[in-house]
Amino acid sequence: MTVALILARLGFDQTTLMAALLHDTVEDTSATLDDLELEFGAEVCDLVGACSEQKLDAEGWKRSWHDRKRSHLELLEHAGRQVRAIVLADKLHNLISMQSDLASGVDIWSLFHADRAVWLAHTRHSITILGQGSDADLALRQLVSDCLTALAKLEVA
């Protein structure tokens, strides 16, 4: 919900907001992209698909954190405005949630499949990639700036 709210406040359209609400559905549930297309249409389905990491390889084995992140980032380099916005809003929400968890005493770094330095470097690189070419887009520039600010707070925490 928060990802969609962030984007609604920046003036994104209904299709983008619908995809933002559903962005983790394929990764975190048994729902498939075909299910989403039947229920919400091809455009929403395409946006959700572009936001989703492929967690399993061709044989059905779980892919490593590094492999998933690298291949997804390669796809995001060529993503359109809506996908970049959804992914950036998701990163922003995650970064703010992590700050809150750290302040509450949760050892968030033990929850990841990469050490703190690698995770922080990957996240900074991802934000940079997602922000490429967004100079003329006020909403994307705002998301990039907010993500980098939130990330900087985690880096010193």
N, C-alpha and C. Protein backbone atom coordinates (compact mmCIF):
# COMPACT_ATOMS: atom_id res chain seq x y z
N MET A 1 0.82 -1.19 0.00
CA MET A 1 0.00 0.00 0.00
C MET A 1 0.87 1.26 0.00
N THR A 2 1.95 1.23 0.76
CA THR A 2 2.79 2.41 0.87
C THR A 2 3.43 2.78 -0.46
N VAL A 3 3.84 1.79 -1.23
CA VAL A 3 4.45 2.06 -2.53
C VAL A 3 3.45 2.81 -3.41
N ALA A 4 2.21 2.36 -3.44
CA ALA A 4 1.19 3.05 -4.23
C ALA A 4 0.92 4.45 -3.68
N LEU A 5 0.91 4.60 -2.37
CA LEU A 5 0.67 5.92 -1.78
C LEU A 5 1.78 6.90 -2.15
N ILE A 6 3.02 6.45 -2.10
CA ILE A 6 4.16 7.30 -2.50
C ILE A 6 3.95 7.79 -3.93
N LEU A 7 3.57 6.88 -4.81
CA LEU A 7 3.40 7.23 -6.22
C LEU A 7 2.15 8.08 -6.45
N ALA A 8 1.10 7.83 -5.70
CA ALA A 8 -0.11 8.66 -5.82
C ALA A 8 0.20 10.10 -5.46
N ARG A 9 0.98 10.29 -4.42
CA ARG A 9 1.36 11.65 -4.00
C ARG A 9 2.20 12.36 -5.05
N LEU A 10 2.87 11.59 -5.91
CA LEU A 10 3.67 12.18 -6.98
C LEU A 10 2.88 12.31 -8.29
N GLY A 11 1.60 11.92 -8.26
CA GLY A 11 0.73 12.13 -9.41
C GLY A 11 0.72 11.05 -10.46
N PHE A 12 1.16 9.83 -10.11
CA PHE A 12 1.16 8.75 -11.09
C PHE A 12 -0.26 8.28 -11.39
N ASP A 13 -0.43 7.71 -12.58
CA ASP A 13 -1.74 7.30 -13.07
C ASP A 13 -2.24 6.02 -12.39
N GLN A 14 -3.52 5.72 -12.63
CA GLN A 14 -4.18 4.59 -12.00
C GLN A 14 -3.53 3.25 -12.33
N THR A 15 -3.09 3.08 -13.57
CA THR A 15 -2.44 1.82 -13.96
C THR A 15 -1.16 1.61 -13.18
N THR A 16 -0.36 2.66 -13.04
CA THR A 16 0.87 2.56 -12.27
C THR A 16 0.57 2.26 -10.81
N LEU A 17 -0.45 2.90 -10.27
CA LEU A 17 -0.82 2.66 -8.87
C LEU A 17 -1.30 1.23 -8.65
N MET A 18 -2.06 0.70 -9.60
CA MET A 18 -2.52 -0.69 -9.50
C MET A 18 -1.32 -1.64 -9.51
N ALA A 19 -0.38 -1.39 -10.43
CA ALA A 19 0.82 -2.24 -10.49
C ALA A 19 1.65 -2.09 -9.21
N ALA A 20 1.68 -0.88 -8.66
CA ALA A 20 2.41 -0.66 -7.41
C ALA A 20 1.80 -1.48 -6.27
N LEU A 21 0.49 -1.54 -6.23
CA LEU A 21 -0.17 -2.36 -5.21
C LEU A 21 0.16 -3.84 -5.36
N LEU A 22 0.36 -4.27 -6.59
CA LEU A 22 0.56 -5.69 -6.89
C LEU A 22 2.02 -6.07 -7.13
N HIS A 23 2.95 -5.13 -6.96
CA HIS A 23 4.32 -5.34 -7.42
C HIS A 23 5.02 -6.57 -6.85
N ASP A 24 4.69 -7.00 -5.65
CA ASP A 24 5.34 -8.17 -5.04
C ASP A 24 4.51 -9.45 -5.16
N THR A 25 3.37 -9.37 -5.79
CA THR A 25 2.45 -10.50 -5.83
C THR A 25 3.06 -11.75 -6.43
N VAL A 26 3.72 -11.63 -7.56
CA VAL A 26 4.28 -12.81 -8.24
C VAL A 26 5.47 -13.36 -7.46
N GLU A 27 6.25 -12.48 -6.83
CA GLU A 27 7.41 -12.93 -6.06
C GLU A 27 7.00 -13.60 -4.74
N ASP A 28 5.92 -13.13 -4.13
CA ASP A 28 5.62 -13.53 -2.75
C ASP A 28 4.39 -14.39 -2.57
N THR A 29 3.68 -14.71 -3.65
CA THR A 29 2.49 -15.56 -3.54
C THR A 29 2.52 -16.61 -4.64
N SER A 30 1.50 -17.43 -4.67
CA SER A 30 1.41 -18.44 -5.73
C SER A 30 0.78 -17.89 -7.00
N ALA A 31 0.36 -16.64 -6.98
CA ALA A 31 -0.23 -16.02 -8.18
C ALA A 31 0.81 -15.90 -9.28
N THR A 32 0.37 -16.06 -10.51
CA THR A 32 1.25 -15.96 -11.66
C THR A 32 0.93 -14.68 -12.44
N LEU A 33 1.80 -14.36 -13.37
CA LEU A 33 1.53 -13.22 -14.24
C LEU A 33 0.26 -13.45 -15.06
N ASP A 34 0.01 -14.68 -15.45
CA ASP A 34 -1.23 -14.99 -16.18
C ASP A 34 -2.45 -14.69 -15.31
N ASP A 35 -2.37 -15.02 -14.03
CA ASP A 35 -3.46 -14.71 -13.10
C ASP A 35 -3.71 -13.20 -13.05
N LEU A 36 -2.62 -12.45 -12.93
CA LEU A 36 -2.74 -10.99 -12.86
C LEU A 36 -3.31 -10.42 -14.15
N GLU A 37 -2.88 -10.96 -15.28
CA GLU A 37 -3.39 -10.45 -16.55
C GLU A 37 -4.89 -10.68 -16.67
N LEU A 38 -5.35 -11.85 -16.25
CA LEU A 38 -6.79 -12.13 -16.31
C LEU A 38 -7.59 -11.18 -15.43
N GLU A 39 -7.05 -10.87 -14.27
CA GLU A 39 -7.77 -10.05 -13.30
C GLU A 39 -7.61 -8.55 -13.53
N PHE A 40 -6.42 -8.12 -13.97
CA PHE A 40 -6.12 -6.69 -13.99
C PHE A 40 -5.70 -6.15 -15.37
N GLY A 41 -5.54 -7.02 -16.35
CA GLY A 41 -5.20 -6.57 -17.69
C GLY A 41 -3.72 -6.66 -18.01
N ALA A 42 -3.43 -6.56 -19.30
CA ALA A 42 -2.07 -6.78 -19.80
C ALA A 42 -1.10 -5.70 -19.34
N GLU A 43 -1.54 -4.44 -19.30
CA GLU A 43 -0.61 -3.36 -18.94
C GLU A 43 -0.14 -3.48 -17.49
N VAL A 44 -1.07 -3.73 -16.59
CA VAL A 44 -0.70 -3.91 -15.18
C VAL A 44 0.19 -5.14 -15.04
N CYS A 45 -0.17 -6.20 -15.73
CA CYS A 45 0.61 -7.44 -15.69
C CYS A 45 2.05 -7.20 -16.17
N ASP A 46 2.19 -6.46 -17.27
CA ASP A 46 3.53 -6.18 -17.80
C ASP A 46 4.37 -5.37 -16.81
N LEU A 47 3.74 -4.41 -16.15
CA LEU A 47 4.47 -3.60 -15.17
C LEU A 47 4.90 -4.45 -13.98
N VAL A 48 4.01 -5.27 -13.46
CA VAL A 48 4.35 -6.14 -12.33
C VAL A 48 5.46 -7.10 -12.74
N GLY A 49 5.36 -7.67 -13.93
CA GLY A 49 6.39 -8.59 -14.40
C GLY A 49 7.75 -7.93 -14.48
N ALA A 50 7.79 -6.69 -14.94
CA ALA A 50 9.07 -5.97 -15.04
C ALA A 50 9.64 -5.63 -13.67
N CYS A 51 8.78 -5.49 -12.67
CA CYS A 51 9.23 -5.18 -11.31
C CYS A 51 9.68 -6.42 -10.55
N SER A 52 9.35 -7.59 -11.05
CA SER A 52 9.57 -8.84 -10.32
C SER A 52 10.90 -9.48 -10.67
N GLU A 53 11.59 -9.94 -9.64
CA GLU A 53 12.80 -10.73 -9.84
C GLU A 53 12.40 -12.15 -10.18
N GLN A 54 13.24 -12.80 -10.95
CA GLN A 54 13.03 -14.21 -11.22
C GLN A 54 13.78 -14.98 -10.14
N LYS A 55 13.03 -15.54 -9.20
CA LYS A 55 13.65 -16.19 -8.04
C LYS A 55 14.14 -17.60 -8.32
N LEU A 56 13.57 -18.26 -9.35
CA LEU A 56 13.96 -19.63 -9.67
C LEU A 56 14.64 -19.69 -11.02
N ASP A 57 15.57 -20.64 -11.17
CA ASP A 57 16.21 -20.82 -12.47
C ASP A 57 15.34 -21.72 -13.35
N ALA A 58 15.83 -22.05 -14.53
CA ALA A 58 15.05 -22.83 -15.50
C ALA A 58 14.68 -24.22 -14.98
N GLU A 59 15.49 -24.74 -14.06
CA GLU A 59 15.21 -26.07 -13.50
C GLU A 59 14.36 -26.01 -12.23
N GLY A 60 13.99 -24.80 -11.83
CA GLY A 60 13.15 -24.65 -10.64
C GLY A 60 13.92 -24.49 -9.34
N TRP A 61 15.24 -24.33 -9.43
CA TRP A 61 16.06 -24.14 -8.23
C TRP A 61 16.10 -22.67 -7.85
N LYS A 62 16.20 -22.40 -6.57
CA LYS A 62 16.29 -21.03 -6.09
C LYS A 62 17.61 -20.41 -6.53
N ARG A 63 17.52 -19.23 -7.14
CA ARG A 63 18.72 -18.52 -7.60
C ARG A 63 19.35 -17.78 -6.42
N SER A 64 20.66 -17.56 -6.50
CA SER A 64 21.37 -16.86 -5.44
C SER A 64 20.95 -15.39 -5.41
N TRP A 65 21.13 -14.75 -4.26
CA TRP A 65 20.82 -13.33 -4.10
C TRP A 65 21.56 -12.51 -5.15
N HIS A 66 22.87 -12.78 -5.28
CA HIS A 66 23.70 -12.02 -6.21
C HIS A 66 23.22 -12.18 -7.66
N ASP A 67 22.88 -13.40 -8.04
CA ASP A 67 22.43 -13.66 -9.41
C ASP A 67 21.09 -12.98 -9.68
N ARG A 68 20.16 -13.09 -8.74
CA ARG A 68 18.84 -12.45 -8.90
C ARG A 68 18.98 -10.94 -9.04
N LYS A 69 19.76 -10.34 -8.16
CA LYS A 69 19.90 -8.89 -8.16
C LYS A 69 20.60 -8.40 -9.42
N ARG A 70 21.64 -9.09 -9.84
CA ARG A 70 22.39 -8.69 -11.03
C ARG A 70 21.51 -8.75 -12.27
N SER A 71 20.82 -9.87 -12.47
CA SER A 71 20.01 -10.00 -13.69
C SER A 71 18.81 -9.06 -13.68
N HIS A 72 18.21 -8.84 -12.52
CA HIS A 72 17.07 -7.92 -12.46
C HIS A 72 17.52 -6.49 -12.74
N LEU A 73 18.67 -6.12 -12.22
CA LEU A 73 19.18 -4.77 -12.46
C LEU A 73 19.50 -4.55 -13.94
N GLU A 74 19.99 -5.60 -14.61
CA GLU A 74 20.24 -5.50 -16.05
C GLU A 74 18.95 -5.19 -16.80
N LEU A 75 17.85 -5.80 -16.39
CA LEU A 75 16.55 -5.53 -17.02
C LEU A 75 16.06 -4.13 -16.68
N LEU A 76 16.26 -3.71 -15.45
CA LEU A 76 15.78 -2.40 -15.02
C LEU A 76 16.50 -1.25 -15.71
N GLU A 77 17.71 -1.49 -16.18
CA GLU A 77 18.46 -0.45 -16.90
C GLU A 77 17.67 0.04 -18.12
N HIS A 78 16.83 -0.82 -18.67
CA HIS A 78 16.09 -0.49 -19.89
C HIS A 78 14.60 -0.28 -19.61
N ALA A 79 14.23 -0.23 -18.35
CA ALA A 79 12.81 -0.12 -17.98
C ALA A 79 12.28 1.28 -18.24
N GLY A 80 10.99 1.34 -18.44
CA GLY A 80 10.31 2.61 -18.64
C GLY A 80 10.06 3.33 -17.32
N ARG A 81 9.49 4.50 -17.45
CA ARG A 81 9.24 5.40 -16.32
C ARG A 81 8.40 4.75 -15.22
N GLN A 82 7.33 4.07 -15.60
CA GLN A 82 6.44 3.50 -14.60
C GLN A 82 7.15 2.43 -13.76
N VAL A 83 7.88 1.56 -14.41
CA VAL A 83 8.60 0.50 -13.69
C VAL A 83 9.67 1.11 -12.79
N ARG A 84 10.42 2.06 -13.30
CA ARG A 84 11.44 2.71 -12.48
C ARG A 84 10.81 3.36 -11.25
N ALA A 85 9.67 4.01 -11.44
CA ALA A 85 9.00 4.66 -10.32
C ALA A 85 8.54 3.65 -9.28
N ILE A 86 7.96 2.55 -9.72
CA ILE A 86 7.49 1.53 -8.77
C ILE A 86 8.66 0.94 -7.99
N VAL A 87 9.73 0.61 -8.68
CA VAL A 87 10.89 0.01 -8.01
C VAL A 87 11.53 1.01 -7.05
N LEU A 88 11.65 2.27 -7.46
CA LEU A 88 12.22 3.29 -6.57
C LEU A 88 11.32 3.52 -5.35
N ALA A 89 10.02 3.58 -5.55
CA ALA A 89 9.11 3.76 -4.42
C ALA A 89 9.19 2.57 -3.46
N ASP A 90 9.34 1.38 -4.00
CA ASP A 90 9.50 0.18 -3.17
C ASP A 90 10.81 0.26 -2.39
N LYS A 91 11.88 0.68 -3.04
CA LYS A 91 13.16 0.84 -2.34
C LYS A 91 13.03 1.88 -1.23
N LEU A 92 12.38 2.99 -1.53
CA LEU A 92 12.20 4.04 -0.52
C LEU A 92 11.45 3.50 0.68
N HIS A 93 10.37 2.81 0.42
CA HIS A 93 9.59 2.23 1.54
C HIS A 93 10.43 1.25 2.35
N ASN A 94 11.18 0.39 1.66
CA ASN A 94 12.03 -0.57 2.35
C ASN A 94 13.11 0.12 3.19
N LEU A 95 13.73 1.15 2.64
CA LEU A 95 14.78 1.86 3.36
C LEU A 95 14.24 2.55 4.61
N ILE A 96 13.08 3.16 4.50
CA ILE A 96 12.47 3.82 5.65
C ILE A 96 12.06 2.79 6.70
N SER A 97 11.53 1.66 6.25
CA SER A 97 11.16 0.59 7.18
C SER A 97 12.39 0.04 7.90
N MET A 98 13.48 -0.07 7.18
CA MET A 98 14.72 -0.56 7.78
C MET A 98 15.22 0.40 8.85
N GLN A 99 15.14 1.70 8.59
CA GLN A 99 15.53 2.70 9.59
C GLN A 99 14.71 2.52 10.86
N SER A 100 13.42 2.33 10.69
CA SER A 100 12.53 2.14 11.83
C SER A 100 12.88 0.86 12.60
N ASP A 101 13.13 -0.21 11.86
CA ASP A 101 13.51 -1.47 12.50
C ASP A 101 14.81 -1.34 13.29
N LEU A 102 15.81 -0.68 12.68
CA LEU A 102 17.08 -0.46 13.38
C LEU A 102 16.88 0.34 14.66
N ALA A 103 16.05 1.38 14.57
CA ALA A 103 15.78 2.22 15.74
C ALA A 103 15.09 1.43 16.85
N SER A 104 14.36 0.37 16.45
CA SER A 104 13.67 -0.47 17.43
C SER A 104 14.54 -1.61 17.95
N GLY A 105 15.78 -1.67 17.47
CA GLY A 105 16.71 -2.68 17.95
C GLY A 105 16.74 -3.96 17.14
N VAL A 106 16.07 -4.00 15.99
CA VAL A 106 16.08 -5.20 15.15
C VAL A 106 17.40 -5.27 14.39
N ASP A 107 18.02 -6.45 14.39
CA ASP A 107 19.25 -6.67 13.64
C ASP A 107 18.88 -6.99 12.20
N ILE A 108 18.59 -5.95 11.42
CA ILE A 108 18.12 -6.16 10.05
C ILE A 108 19.16 -6.82 9.17
N TRP A 109 20.43 -6.58 9.44
CA TRP A 109 21.48 -7.09 8.55
C TRP A 109 21.56 -8.61 8.59
N SER A 110 21.12 -9.23 9.66
CA SER A 110 21.13 -10.69 9.74
C SER A 110 20.03 -11.32 8.89
N LEU A 111 19.10 -10.51 8.39
CA LEU A 111 17.98 -11.01 7.61
C LEU A 111 18.27 -11.14 6.12
N PHE A 112 19.41 -10.58 5.68
CA PHE A 112 19.72 -10.54 4.26
C PHE A 112 20.64 -11.67 3.85
N HIS A 113 20.65 -11.97 2.55
CA HIS A 113 21.52 -12.99 1.99
C HIS A 113 22.80 -12.39 1.42
N ALA A 114 23.11 -11.18 1.87
CA ALA A 114 24.35 -10.49 1.51
C ALA A 114 24.77 -9.70 2.74
N ASP A 115 26.08 -9.50 2.89
CA ASP A 115 26.50 -8.74 4.07
C ASP A 115 26.15 -7.26 3.89
N ARG A 116 26.25 -6.52 4.95
CA ARG A 116 25.80 -5.13 5.00
C ARG A 116 26.44 -4.28 3.91
N ALA A 117 27.77 -4.36 3.78
CA ALA A 117 28.48 -3.53 2.80
C ALA A 117 28.05 -3.86 1.37
N VAL A 118 27.90 -5.13 1.07
CA VAL A 118 27.48 -5.54 -0.27
C VAL A 118 26.05 -5.07 -0.54
N TRP A 119 25.18 -5.25 0.44
CA TRP A 119 23.78 -4.82 0.27
C TRP A 119 23.69 -3.31 0.06
N LEU A 120 24.41 -2.55 0.86
CA LEU A 120 24.38 -1.09 0.73
C LEU A 120 24.93 -0.66 -0.64
N ALA A 121 26.03 -1.26 -1.07
CA ALA A 121 26.62 -0.90 -2.37
C ALA A 121 25.67 -1.26 -3.51
N HIS A 122 25.06 -2.43 -3.43
CA HIS A 122 24.10 -2.83 -4.47
C HIS A 122 22.91 -1.87 -4.51
N THR A 123 22.41 -1.50 -3.36
CA THR A 123 21.26 -0.61 -3.30
C THR A 123 21.61 0.76 -3.87
N ARG A 124 22.76 1.30 -3.53
CA ARG A 124 23.19 2.59 -4.09
C ARG A 124 23.32 2.49 -5.62
N HIS A 125 23.93 1.41 -6.09
CA HIS A 125 24.08 1.22 -7.53
C HIS A 125 22.71 1.11 -8.21
N SER A 126 21.79 0.39 -7.60
CA SER A 126 20.44 0.23 -8.15
C SER A 126 19.74 1.58 -8.27
N ILE A 127 19.82 2.37 -7.23
CA ILE A 127 19.18 3.69 -7.25
C ILE A 127 19.78 4.55 -8.36
N THR A 128 21.10 4.48 -8.51
CA THR A 128 21.78 5.24 -9.56
C THR A 128 21.31 4.79 -10.94
N ILE A 129 21.25 3.50 -11.16
CA ILE A 129 20.79 2.96 -12.45
C ILE A 129 19.35 3.38 -12.71
N LEU A 130 18.49 3.26 -11.73
CA LEU A 130 17.08 3.61 -11.90
C LEU A 130 16.88 5.10 -12.15
N GLY A 131 17.80 5.90 -11.68
CA GLY A 131 17.70 7.34 -11.86
C GLY A 131 18.30 7.87 -13.14
N GLN A 132 19.00 7.01 -13.89
CA GLN A 132 19.63 7.47 -15.13
C GLN A 132 18.59 8.01 -16.10
N GLY A 133 18.89 9.17 -16.66
CA GLY A 133 18.01 9.77 -17.65
C GLY A 133 16.77 10.42 -17.07
N SER A 134 16.72 10.59 -15.76
CA SER A 134 15.51 11.15 -15.15
C SER A 134 15.64 12.64 -14.86
N ASP A 135 16.65 13.27 -15.39
CA ASP A 135 16.89 14.69 -15.09
C ASP A 135 15.67 15.56 -15.36
N ALA A 136 14.94 15.27 -16.42
CA ALA A 136 13.79 16.09 -16.79
C ALA A 136 12.49 15.63 -16.13
N ASP A 137 12.55 14.57 -15.35
CA ASP A 137 11.35 14.00 -14.74
C ASP A 137 11.36 14.30 -13.24
N LEU A 138 10.58 15.27 -12.86
CA LEU A 138 10.56 15.73 -11.47
C LEU A 138 10.22 14.61 -10.49
N ALA A 139 9.24 13.78 -10.82
CA ALA A 139 8.82 12.71 -9.91
C ALA A 139 9.94 11.69 -9.71
N LEU A 140 10.58 11.25 -10.79
CA LEU A 140 11.67 10.28 -10.65
C LEU A 140 12.85 10.90 -9.92
N ARG A 141 13.16 12.15 -10.21
CA ARG A 141 14.26 12.83 -9.50
C ARG A 141 13.97 12.88 -8.00
N GLN A 142 12.71 13.14 -7.64
CA GLN A 142 12.33 13.19 -6.22
C GLN A 142 12.51 11.82 -5.57
N LEU A 143 12.07 10.77 -6.27
CA LEU A 143 12.23 9.41 -5.73
C LEU A 143 13.70 9.05 -5.55
N VAL A 144 14.52 9.37 -6.53
CA VAL A 144 15.96 9.09 -6.42
C VAL A 144 16.54 9.84 -5.23
N SER A 145 16.23 11.12 -5.12
CA SER A 145 16.75 11.93 -4.02
C SER A 145 16.31 11.37 -2.66
N ASP A 146 15.03 11.04 -2.54
CA ASP A 146 14.52 10.49 -1.28
C ASP A 146 15.19 9.15 -0.94
N CYS A 147 15.39 8.31 -1.96
CA CYS A 147 16.06 7.02 -1.74
C CYS A 147 17.50 7.22 -1.27
N LEU A 148 18.21 8.13 -1.92
CA LEU A 148 19.61 8.37 -1.55
C LEU A 148 19.71 8.95 -0.14
N THR A 149 18.78 9.80 0.23
CA THR A 149 18.76 10.35 1.59
C THR A 149 18.52 9.25 2.62
N ALA A 150 17.55 8.40 2.35
CA ALA A 150 17.24 7.29 3.26
C ALA A 150 18.40 6.31 3.33
N LEU A 151 19.03 6.04 2.20
CA LEU A 151 20.18 5.12 2.17
C LEU A 151 21.34 5.69 2.99
N ALA A 152 21.59 6.98 2.86
CA ALA A 152 22.69 7.61 3.61
C ALA A 152 22.48 7.43 5.11
N LYS A 153 21.24 7.51 5.56
CA LYS A 153 20.95 7.32 6.99
C LYS A 153 21.26 5.89 7.41
N LEU A 154 21.00 4.93 6.55
CA LEU A 154 21.33 3.53 6.87
C LEU A 154 22.83 3.31 6.87
N GLU A 155 23.53 3.97 5.98
CA GLU A 155 24.97 3.79 5.88
C GLU A 155 25.69 4.24 7.14
N VAL A 156 25.15 5.21 7.83
CA VAL A 156 25.80 5.70 9.05
C VAL A 156 25.20 5.09 10.32
N ALA A 157 24.13 4.35 10.16
CA ALA A 157 23.46 3.76 11.34
C ALA A 157 24.26 2.57 11.86
